[in-house]
Structures are given as C-alpha cells and as structure tokens.
Amino acid sequence: MSDKKSVLILNQHAPYGTSNARDALDVALTCSIFEMPVSLAFLGDGLFQLLKNHNTQQTGHKNIESMLSALPMYDIEKIFVCTEDLEANALSETDLGLPVKIISQSDLSKLLDSHDTVLTF
C-alpha cells in the first residue's frame, strides 16, 4: 500500500475568465511531481476545459490545451466527467480532448470518498 496521499481535484469553472483552471492544473502537475496519485474531475462549467480546439485569441488568455495534453506525461490519467454534465451541454466523449472516465452524478460521492484529499477549483 502506498504511503502517498491521493488527491482529487475538482474543476468546476470555465477554462477562461479566472485563473481557476490554470491553478488546478498547476496543483495537479505539482502533486504528480511528488508522486502523489492524482485524479481530476471536470464538473459543471469545468467540463468546458476539456473541449478540443480552444480559441483564445480574442480573450487575451493563454490556452490551457498544452497543459491538459501534458497530463499523461505526468501519469495523470484518471480524468472523470459526469454523464449528466455531458448531457446538459449536448456534448459527447468525442468532443473532449482527453480520454475520460464517465461516471454518474450518484457515483461522484464514491469518487470523493476514495481520495485522501479533495481540492476544489
């Protein structure tokens, strides 16, 4: 059994407009560097962080796609989205830029309980 604390990072904000998305990814990458098992869940508006082909030219924000594409290199491969969020936004798994595990809203509490630390952004 690993003595490293597992971390679940909940991403609940749109990718741009605030620093929440970048901050969450920075924390995830930092935890991974210290060999902590990291999982990410993209909920509500956070789901939009995973969409392919972000166009940030007119927003003045840096595109987060390069940070997202680096996640597998840091062994961050447990990425979750809720079925209900996909359906509410008329999205499917093919609209997302990373492979994800789709869970139901009711399974979210099990996911939360399975981690030592939960951080919300």
N, C-alpha and C. Protein backbone atom coordinates (compact mmCIF):
# COMPACT_ATOMS: atom_id res chain seq x y z
N MET A 1 0.84 -1.19 0.00
CA MET A 1 0.00 0.00 0.00
C MET A 1 0.88 1.24 0.00
N SER A 2 0.53 2.19 -0.84
CA SER A 2 1.31 3.41 -0.97
C SER A 2 1.09 4.31 0.24
N ASP A 3 2.18 4.96 0.68
CA ASP A 3 2.06 5.91 1.78
C ASP A 3 1.78 7.32 1.27
N LYS A 4 1.67 7.48 -0.05
CA LYS A 4 1.36 8.78 -0.63
C LYS A 4 -0.14 9.04 -0.57
N LYS A 5 -0.51 10.23 -0.22
CA LYS A 5 -1.91 10.62 -0.13
C LYS A 5 -2.47 10.85 -1.54
N SER A 6 -3.63 10.30 -1.81
CA SER A 6 -4.26 10.51 -3.11
C SER A 6 -5.00 11.84 -3.12
N VAL A 7 -4.98 12.49 -4.28
CA VAL A 7 -5.58 13.81 -4.42
C VAL A 7 -6.59 13.79 -5.56
N LEU A 8 -7.77 14.30 -5.28
CA LEU A 8 -8.78 14.51 -6.31
C LEU A 8 -8.97 16.01 -6.46
N ILE A 9 -8.84 16.49 -7.68
CA ILE A 9 -9.01 17.92 -7.95
C ILE A 9 -10.30 18.09 -8.75
N LEU A 10 -11.22 18.85 -8.17
CA LEU A 10 -12.50 19.14 -8.81
C LEU A 10 -12.39 20.45 -9.57
N ASN A 11 -12.63 20.39 -10.85
CA ASN A 11 -12.59 21.57 -11.72
C ASN A 11 -14.01 21.96 -12.05
N GLN A 12 -14.46 23.09 -11.52
CA GLN A 12 -15.87 23.47 -11.67
C GLN A 12 -16.07 24.79 -12.40
N HIS A 13 -15.00 25.36 -12.93
CA HIS A 13 -15.12 26.66 -13.58
C HIS A 13 -14.74 26.56 -15.06
N ALA A 14 -15.30 27.47 -15.83
CA ALA A 14 -14.97 27.56 -17.25
C ALA A 14 -13.46 27.78 -17.40
N PRO A 15 -12.92 27.43 -18.55
CA PRO A 15 -11.46 27.47 -18.70
C PRO A 15 -10.84 28.87 -18.66
N TYR A 16 -11.62 29.89 -18.96
CA TYR A 16 -11.04 31.23 -19.04
C TYR A 16 -11.91 32.21 -18.26
N GLY A 17 -11.35 33.35 -17.94
CA GLY A 17 -12.08 34.36 -17.17
C GLY A 17 -11.52 34.49 -15.76
N THR A 18 -11.05 33.38 -15.21
CA THR A 18 -10.37 33.38 -13.92
C THR A 18 -9.14 32.49 -14.05
N SER A 19 -8.35 32.44 -13.02
CA SER A 19 -7.16 31.59 -13.04
C SER A 19 -7.44 30.19 -12.50
N ASN A 20 -8.68 29.88 -12.18
CA ASN A 20 -9.00 28.59 -11.56
C ASN A 20 -8.53 27.39 -12.36
N ALA A 21 -8.76 27.38 -13.66
CA ALA A 21 -8.37 26.23 -14.48
C ALA A 21 -6.86 26.04 -14.47
N ARG A 22 -6.12 27.10 -14.67
CA ARG A 22 -4.65 27.01 -14.68
C ARG A 22 -4.13 26.63 -13.29
N ASP A 23 -4.71 27.21 -12.26
CA ASP A 23 -4.29 26.89 -10.90
C ASP A 23 -4.51 25.41 -10.59
N ALA A 24 -5.65 24.88 -10.98
CA ALA A 24 -5.95 23.46 -10.74
C ALA A 24 -4.94 22.57 -11.46
N LEU A 25 -4.63 22.91 -12.69
CA LEU A 25 -3.66 22.11 -13.45
C LEU A 25 -2.26 22.23 -12.86
N ASP A 26 -1.90 23.42 -12.40
CA ASP A 26 -0.59 23.60 -11.74
C ASP A 26 -0.49 22.72 -10.50
N VAL A 27 -1.55 22.69 -9.70
CA VAL A 27 -1.56 21.87 -8.49
C VAL A 27 -1.46 20.39 -8.86
N ALA A 28 -2.21 19.97 -9.87
CA ALA A 28 -2.18 18.57 -10.30
C ALA A 28 -0.77 18.16 -10.73
N LEU A 29 -0.14 18.98 -11.54
CA LEU A 29 1.21 18.66 -12.02
C LEU A 29 2.21 18.65 -10.87
N THR A 30 2.07 19.58 -9.94
CA THR A 30 2.97 19.64 -8.78
C THR A 30 2.81 18.41 -7.91
N CYS A 31 1.58 18.01 -7.64
CA CYS A 31 1.34 16.80 -6.84
C CYS A 31 1.95 15.58 -7.52
N SER A 32 1.80 15.52 -8.81
CA SER A 32 2.34 14.38 -9.56
C SER A 32 3.86 14.33 -9.48
N ILE A 33 4.50 15.47 -9.51
CA ILE A 33 5.97 15.52 -9.40
C ILE A 33 6.42 14.89 -8.09
N PHE A 34 5.59 15.05 -7.05
CA PHE A 34 5.90 14.45 -5.75
C PHE A 34 5.31 13.05 -5.61
N GLU A 35 4.96 12.46 -6.77
CA GLU A 35 4.50 11.08 -6.87
C GLU A 35 3.22 10.80 -6.08
N MET A 36 2.40 11.82 -5.93
CA MET A 36 1.09 11.63 -5.31
C MET A 36 0.12 11.17 -6.39
N PRO A 37 -0.70 10.18 -6.11
CA PRO A 37 -1.71 9.77 -7.09
C PRO A 37 -2.74 10.89 -7.26
N VAL A 38 -2.91 11.35 -8.50
CA VAL A 38 -3.78 12.49 -8.77
C VAL A 38 -4.90 12.06 -9.71
N SER A 39 -6.12 12.46 -9.37
CA SER A 39 -7.28 12.30 -10.24
C SER A 39 -7.89 13.67 -10.45
N LEU A 40 -8.50 13.85 -11.60
CA LEU A 40 -9.17 15.10 -11.92
C LEU A 40 -10.62 14.82 -12.27
N ALA A 41 -11.52 15.67 -11.80
CA ALA A 41 -12.93 15.60 -12.19
C ALA A 41 -13.32 16.96 -12.73
N PHE A 42 -13.94 16.95 -13.88
CA PHE A 42 -14.39 18.19 -14.52
C PHE A 42 -15.91 18.20 -14.45
N LEU A 43 -16.43 19.12 -13.65
CA LEU A 43 -17.86 19.15 -13.33
C LEU A 43 -18.47 20.48 -13.74
N GLY A 44 -19.74 20.46 -14.12
CA GLY A 44 -20.42 21.70 -14.49
C GLY A 44 -19.68 22.43 -15.59
N ASP A 45 -19.45 23.73 -15.39
CA ASP A 45 -18.73 24.52 -16.39
C ASP A 45 -17.28 24.08 -16.56
N GLY A 46 -16.74 23.35 -15.60
CA GLY A 46 -15.39 22.82 -15.71
C GLY A 46 -15.23 21.87 -16.88
N LEU A 47 -16.32 21.27 -17.30
CA LEU A 47 -16.29 20.36 -18.45
C LEU A 47 -15.76 21.06 -19.70
N PHE A 48 -16.02 22.36 -19.83
CA PHE A 48 -15.57 23.11 -21.00
C PHE A 48 -14.05 23.21 -21.10
N GLN A 49 -13.35 22.95 -20.01
CA GLN A 49 -11.89 22.93 -20.06
C GLN A 49 -11.38 21.81 -20.96
N LEU A 50 -12.15 20.75 -21.09
CA LEU A 50 -11.71 19.58 -21.84
C LEU A 50 -12.06 19.62 -23.32
N LEU A 51 -12.80 20.62 -23.76
CA LEU A 51 -13.18 20.68 -25.16
C LEU A 51 -11.96 20.83 -26.06
N LYS A 52 -12.04 20.26 -27.24
CA LYS A 52 -10.97 20.36 -28.22
C LYS A 52 -10.95 21.76 -28.84
N ASN A 53 -9.76 22.15 -29.31
CA ASN A 53 -9.59 23.35 -30.13
C ASN A 53 -10.08 24.64 -29.49
N HIS A 54 -9.54 24.95 -28.34
CA HIS A 54 -9.86 26.23 -27.68
C HIS A 54 -9.35 27.37 -28.56
N ASN A 55 -10.14 28.40 -28.69
CA ASN A 55 -9.72 29.59 -29.42
C ASN A 55 -9.71 30.75 -28.43
N THR A 56 -8.52 31.16 -28.03
CA THR A 56 -8.41 32.20 -27.01
C THR A 56 -7.90 33.52 -27.57
N GLN A 57 -7.84 33.65 -28.88
CA GLN A 57 -7.29 34.87 -29.47
C GLN A 57 -7.97 36.14 -28.98
N GLN A 58 -9.28 36.12 -28.89
CA GLN A 58 -10.00 37.34 -28.52
C GLN A 58 -10.18 37.50 -27.02
N THR A 59 -9.81 36.49 -26.24
CA THR A 59 -10.00 36.60 -24.79
C THR A 59 -8.79 37.18 -24.08
N GLY A 60 -7.62 37.08 -24.71
CA GLY A 60 -6.41 37.55 -24.07
C GLY A 60 -5.84 36.58 -23.05
N HIS A 61 -6.39 35.38 -22.97
CA HIS A 61 -5.93 34.37 -22.04
C HIS A 61 -5.05 33.35 -22.75
N LYS A 62 -4.12 32.77 -21.99
CA LYS A 62 -3.30 31.69 -22.54
C LYS A 62 -4.14 30.43 -22.66
N ASN A 63 -3.96 29.72 -23.74
CA ASN A 63 -4.68 28.48 -23.99
C ASN A 63 -4.20 27.40 -23.02
N ILE A 64 -5.12 26.66 -22.41
CA ILE A 64 -4.74 25.63 -21.43
C ILE A 64 -4.57 24.25 -22.07
N GLU A 65 -4.81 24.13 -23.36
CA GLU A 65 -4.74 22.82 -24.00
C GLU A 65 -3.37 22.16 -23.87
N SER A 66 -2.30 22.95 -23.92
CA SER A 66 -0.96 22.35 -23.80
C SER A 66 -0.75 21.76 -22.40
N MET A 67 -1.30 22.42 -21.39
CA MET A 67 -1.19 21.88 -20.03
C MET A 67 -2.00 20.59 -19.91
N LEU A 68 -3.18 20.59 -20.50
CA LEU A 68 -4.02 19.38 -20.46
C LEU A 68 -3.36 18.23 -21.19
N SER A 69 -2.74 18.52 -22.33
CA SER A 69 -2.11 17.45 -23.10
C SER A 69 -0.88 16.88 -22.39
N ALA A 70 -0.33 17.62 -21.42
CA ALA A 70 0.83 17.15 -20.66
C ALA A 70 0.44 16.19 -19.53
N LEU A 71 -0.82 16.13 -19.19
CA LEU A 71 -1.24 15.30 -18.05
C LEU A 71 -0.77 13.85 -18.14
N PRO A 72 -0.92 13.17 -19.28
CA PRO A 72 -0.46 11.77 -19.35
C PRO A 72 1.06 11.63 -19.12
N MET A 73 1.83 12.63 -19.50
CA MET A 73 3.28 12.57 -19.27
C MET A 73 3.62 12.63 -17.78
N TYR A 74 2.68 13.15 -16.99
CA TYR A 74 2.85 13.23 -15.54
C TYR A 74 2.09 12.11 -14.84
N ASP A 75 1.71 11.09 -15.59
CA ASP A 75 0.96 9.95 -15.07
C ASP A 75 -0.38 10.33 -14.46
N ILE A 76 -0.97 11.39 -14.97
CA ILE A 76 -2.31 11.79 -14.54
C ILE A 76 -3.26 11.30 -15.62
N GLU A 77 -3.85 10.16 -15.37
CA GLU A 77 -4.70 9.55 -16.37
C GLU A 77 -6.11 9.27 -15.87
N LYS A 78 -6.36 9.53 -14.59
CA LYS A 78 -7.70 9.34 -14.03
C LYS A 78 -8.44 10.66 -14.13
N ILE A 79 -9.20 10.79 -15.22
CA ILE A 79 -9.92 12.02 -15.50
C ILE A 79 -11.40 11.66 -15.63
N PHE A 80 -12.22 12.31 -14.83
CA PHE A 80 -13.63 11.96 -14.72
C PHE A 80 -14.53 13.12 -15.17
N VAL A 81 -15.63 12.76 -15.80
CA VAL A 81 -16.71 13.70 -16.11
C VAL A 81 -18.03 13.00 -15.80
N CYS A 82 -19.04 13.78 -15.52
CA CYS A 82 -20.35 13.21 -15.20
C CYS A 82 -21.24 13.16 -16.45
N THR A 83 -21.92 12.06 -16.58
CA THR A 83 -22.87 11.87 -17.68
C THR A 83 -23.84 13.03 -17.75
N GLU A 84 -24.34 13.44 -16.60
CA GLU A 84 -25.35 14.50 -16.55
C GLU A 84 -24.81 15.82 -17.09
N ASP A 85 -23.53 16.12 -16.84
CA ASP A 85 -22.93 17.35 -17.35
C ASP A 85 -22.77 17.29 -18.87
N LEU A 86 -22.37 16.12 -19.38
CA LEU A 86 -22.27 15.95 -20.83
C LEU A 86 -23.64 16.17 -21.48
N GLU A 87 -24.65 15.51 -20.93
CA GLU A 87 -26.00 15.62 -21.49
C GLU A 87 -26.55 17.03 -21.40
N ALA A 88 -26.33 17.70 -20.28
CA ALA A 88 -26.85 19.05 -20.08
C ALA A 88 -26.26 20.04 -21.08
N ASN A 89 -25.06 19.74 -21.58
CA ASN A 89 -24.38 20.63 -22.52
C ASN A 89 -24.37 20.08 -23.94
N ALA A 90 -25.15 19.04 -24.18
CA ALA A 90 -25.25 18.41 -25.50
C ALA A 90 -23.87 18.04 -26.05
N LEU A 91 -23.03 17.47 -25.18
CA LEU A 91 -21.68 17.06 -25.55
C LEU A 91 -21.56 15.54 -25.46
N SER A 92 -20.56 15.03 -26.13
CA SER A 92 -20.24 13.61 -26.02
C SER A 92 -18.75 13.47 -25.75
N GLU A 93 -18.34 12.27 -25.46
CA GLU A 93 -16.94 11.99 -25.17
C GLU A 93 -16.04 12.38 -26.35
N THR A 94 -16.55 12.31 -27.56
CA THR A 94 -15.74 12.65 -28.74
C THR A 94 -15.46 14.15 -28.85
N ASP A 95 -16.20 14.97 -28.12
CA ASP A 95 -15.96 16.41 -28.13
C ASP A 95 -14.80 16.80 -27.22
N LEU A 96 -14.33 15.86 -26.43
CA LEU A 96 -13.31 16.15 -25.43
C LEU A 96 -11.92 15.82 -25.95
N GLY A 97 -10.94 16.59 -25.50
CA GLY A 97 -9.57 16.43 -25.98
C GLY A 97 -8.74 15.39 -25.26
N LEU A 98 -9.28 14.79 -24.22
CA LEU A 98 -8.56 13.77 -23.46
C LEU A 98 -9.47 12.58 -23.22
N PRO A 99 -8.88 11.39 -23.07
CA PRO A 99 -9.72 10.26 -22.67
C PRO A 99 -10.20 10.45 -21.24
N VAL A 100 -11.47 10.18 -21.02
CA VAL A 100 -12.07 10.38 -19.70
C VAL A 100 -12.83 9.13 -19.29
N LYS A 101 -13.09 9.06 -18.00
CA LYS A 101 -13.98 8.03 -17.48
C LYS A 101 -15.29 8.75 -17.14
N ILE A 102 -16.36 8.27 -17.72
CA ILE A 102 -17.66 8.90 -17.50
C ILE A 102 -18.34 8.20 -16.33
N ILE A 103 -18.74 9.02 -15.36
CA ILE A 103 -19.43 8.50 -14.18
C ILE A 103 -20.76 9.21 -14.03
N SER A 104 -21.64 8.62 -13.24
CA SER A 104 -22.92 9.28 -12.97
C SER A 104 -22.73 10.22 -11.77
N GLN A 105 -23.64 11.15 -11.65
CA GLN A 105 -23.62 12.08 -10.52
C GLN A 105 -23.68 11.32 -9.20
N SER A 106 -24.41 10.23 -9.18
CA SER A 106 -24.53 9.44 -7.95
C SER A 106 -23.22 8.74 -7.59
N ASP A 107 -22.36 8.48 -8.57
CA ASP A 107 -21.06 7.86 -8.30
C ASP A 107 -20.01 8.87 -7.84
N LEU A 108 -20.34 10.14 -7.95
CA LEU A 108 -19.39 11.18 -7.56
C LEU A 108 -19.03 11.09 -6.08
N SER A 109 -20.00 10.80 -5.22
CA SER A 109 -19.70 10.70 -3.79
C SER A 109 -18.73 9.56 -3.51
N LYS A 110 -18.84 8.47 -4.23
CA LYS A 110 -17.89 7.36 -4.08
C LYS A 110 -16.49 7.80 -4.50
N LEU A 111 -16.42 8.58 -5.58
CA LEU A 111 -15.13 9.09 -6.05
C LEU A 111 -14.51 10.00 -5.00
N LEU A 112 -15.32 10.87 -4.42
CA LEU A 112 -14.82 11.77 -3.37
C LEU A 112 -14.30 10.98 -2.17
N ASP A 113 -15.05 9.97 -1.77
CA ASP A 113 -14.66 9.15 -0.61
C ASP A 113 -13.41 8.32 -0.85
N SER A 114 -13.09 8.05 -2.10
CA SER A 114 -11.95 7.18 -2.41
C SER A 114 -10.61 7.91 -2.42
N HIS A 115 -10.62 9.22 -2.15
CA HIS A 115 -9.38 10.01 -2.14
C HIS A 115 -9.13 10.59 -0.75
N ASP A 116 -7.86 10.72 -0.42
CA ASP A 116 -7.48 11.29 0.88
C ASP A 116 -7.74 12.78 0.96
N THR A 117 -7.49 13.47 -0.15
CA THR A 117 -7.63 14.93 -0.20
C THR A 117 -8.44 15.31 -1.42
N VAL A 118 -9.37 16.25 -1.24
CA VAL A 118 -10.16 16.77 -2.34
C VAL A 118 -9.97 18.28 -2.38
N LEU A 119 -9.54 18.78 -3.53
CA LEU A 119 -9.35 20.21 -3.72
C LEU A 119 -10.34 20.69 -4.78
N THR A 120 -10.95 21.84 -4.54
CA THR A 120 -11.95 22.36 -5.46
C THR A 120 -11.47 23.67 -6.06
N PHE A 121 -11.57 23.75 -7.37
CA PHE A 121 -11.22 24.98 -8.09
C PHE A 121 -12.37 25.40 -8.95
